[in-house]
Protein backbone atom coordinates (compact mmCIF):
# COMPACT_ATOMS: atom_id res chain seq x y z
CA UNK A 1 0.06 -0.08 -0.11
CA UNK A 2 2.82 2.49 0.96
CA UNK A 3 4.67 1.82 -2.40
CA UNK A 4 1.51 2.59 -4.20
CA UNK A 5 1.12 5.78 -2.58
CA UNK A 6 4.68 6.81 -3.25
CA UNK A 7 4.10 5.95 -6.82
CA UNK A 8 0.90 8.09 -7.04
CA UNK A 9 2.63 10.95 -5.28
CA UNK A 10 5.78 10.71 -7.73
CA UNK A 11 3.51 10.52 -10.59
CA UNK A 12 1.57 13.52 -9.54
CA UNK A 13 4.61 15.76 -8.81
CA UNK A 14 6.07 14.70 -12.14
CA UNK A 15 2.67 15.66 -13.88
CA UNK A 16 2.71 19.17 -12.30
CA UNK A 17 6.38 19.61 -13.44
CA UNK A 18 5.93 18.13 -16.88
CA UNK A 19 3.15 20.63 -17.82
CA UNK A 20 5.47 23.59 -17.26
CA UNK A 21 8.44 21.61 -18.79
CA UNK A 22 6.50 20.58 -21.87
CA UNK A 23 5.86 24.28 -22.87
CA UNK A 24 9.45 25.58 -22.36
CA UNK A 25 11.96 22.85 -22.90
CA UNK A 26 12.75 20.02 -25.10
CA UNK A 27 11.05 16.69 -24.68
CA UNK A 28 12.41 14.63 -21.88
CA UNK A 29 11.21 11.78 -19.49
CA UNK A 30 9.28 14.27 -17.43
CA UNK A 31 6.92 14.78 -20.18
CA UNK A 32 6.46 11.08 -20.66
CA UNK A 33 5.85 10.60 -16.84
CA UNK A 34 3.35 13.54 -16.99
CA UNK A 35 1.31 12.02 -19.70
CA UNK A 36 1.45 8.48 -18.21
CA UNK A 37 0.18 10.07 -14.92
CA UNK A 38 -3.17 10.64 -16.65
CA UNK A 39 -3.47 6.87 -16.40
CA UNK A 40 -2.70 6.74 -12.68
CA UNK A 41 -5.58 4.83 -11.37
CA UNK A 42 -5.09 2.28 -14.07
CA UNK A 43 -1.53 1.85 -13.63
CA UNK A 44 -1.78 1.82 -9.80
CA UNK A 45 -4.84 -0.57 -9.43
CA UNK A 46 -5.24 -2.27 -12.70
CA UNK A 47 -8.64 -0.86 -13.26
CA UNK A 48 -10.87 0.70 -14.64
CA UNK A 49 -9.52 -0.35 -18.02
CA UNK A 50 -8.82 2.88 -20.14
CA UNK A 51 -11.14 3.55 -23.09
CA UNK A 52 -10.52 5.59 -26.28
CA UNK A 53 -11.59 9.19 -25.68
CA UNK A 54 -10.63 8.96 -21.84
CA UNK A 55 -8.12 11.41 -20.41
CA UNK A 56 -5.78 8.34 -20.14
CA UNK A 57 -6.09 7.45 -23.74
CA UNK A 58 -5.96 10.92 -24.85
CA UNK A 59 -2.52 11.06 -22.94
CA UNK A 60 -1.42 7.89 -24.70
CA UNK A 61 -2.33 9.60 -28.00
CA UNK A 62 -0.35 12.49 -26.97
CA UNK A 63 2.52 10.29 -26.02
CA UNK A 64 2.43 9.10 -29.58
CA UNK A 65 2.57 12.71 -30.93
CA UNK A 66 5.53 13.42 -28.55
CA UNK A 67 7.33 10.36 -30.00
CA UNK A 68 6.94 11.68 -33.49
CA UNK A 69 7.95 15.29 -32.68
CA UNK A 70 11.64 14.96 -32.87
CA UNK A 71 14.14 12.79 -34.74
CA UNK A 72 14.98 10.73 -31.84
CA UNK A 73 11.55 11.15 -30.09
CA UNK A 74 10.30 7.47 -30.36
CA UNK A 75 13.73 6.25 -29.00
CA UNK A 76 13.44 8.84 -25.98
CA UNK A 77 9.87 7.86 -25.29
CA UNK A 78 10.66 4.09 -25.39
CA UNK A 79 13.60 4.59 -23.00
CA UNK A 80 11.50 6.66 -20.54
CA UNK A 81 8.78 3.99 -20.58
CA UNK A 82 11.45 1.25 -20.03
CA UNK A 83 12.63 3.27 -17.15
CA UNK A 84 8.99 3.38 -15.68
CA UNK A 85 8.65 -0.30 -16.13
CA UNK A 86 11.81 -1.04 -14.43
CA UNK A 87 11.20 1.42 -11.59
CA UNK A 88 7.46 0.49 -11.03
CA UNK A 89 7.82 -3.36 -11.93
CA UNK A 90 4.68 -4.41 -9.99
CA UNK A 91 2.79 -2.00 -12.32
CA UNK A 92 4.75 -2.94 -15.47
CA UNK A 93 1.99 -4.82 -17.06
CA UNK A 94 -0.47 -2.07 -16.73
CA UNK A 95 2.03 0.16 -18.32
CA UNK A 96 2.61 -2.18 -21.18
CA UNK A 97 -1.03 -2.74 -21.84
CA UNK A 98 -1.92 1.17 -22.17
CA UNK A 99 -1.29 1.61 -25.99
CA UNK A 100 -3.52 -1.51 -26.77
CA UNK A 101 -6.52 -0.40 -24.56
CA UNK A 102 -6.27 3.09 -26.15
CA UNK A 103 -5.77 1.80 -29.76
CA UNK A 104 -2.43 3.52 -30.14
CA UNK A 105 0.64 2.06 -31.81
CA UNK A 106 3.81 3.54 -30.40
CA UNK A 107 6.00 1.82 -32.91
CA UNK A 108 7.60 -0.44 -30.38
CA UNK A 109 6.42 -3.20 -27.92
CA UNK A 110 6.62 -2.35 -24.16
CA UNK A 111 7.92 -5.27 -22.39
CA UNK A 112 11.11 -5.61 -19.91
CA UNK A 113 13.24 -6.73 -22.74
CA UNK A 114 12.66 -4.09 -25.40
CA UNK A 115 15.86 -2.68 -26.93
CA UNK A 116 15.03 1.11 -27.60
CA UNK A 117 18.29 1.46 -29.58
CA UNK A 118 16.97 -0.37 -32.65
């Protein structure tokens, strides 16, 4: 329970920081964490499933746009998501299923052994 609260708090703080950072600085992992934080309930508790049109799925769609916004955007997003999966391993499955629930293809598979350098 305590670790879930920490995850919620970290994601919440990152979300606040990312909104300011997204406007004034280049894309970084703070932006990715901020977008994924819209899916906080699903990532933390595994339910309710996100649906297209929900704030969570809108954020995953934005994540795809972020990935396409720079030459190495997709690799950066991939590395950031892999970092989240490593950091929050109990929630890795939830993070990995977000694109599928939302009908978004990020151009790579989110799983622990994904090589983002390819």
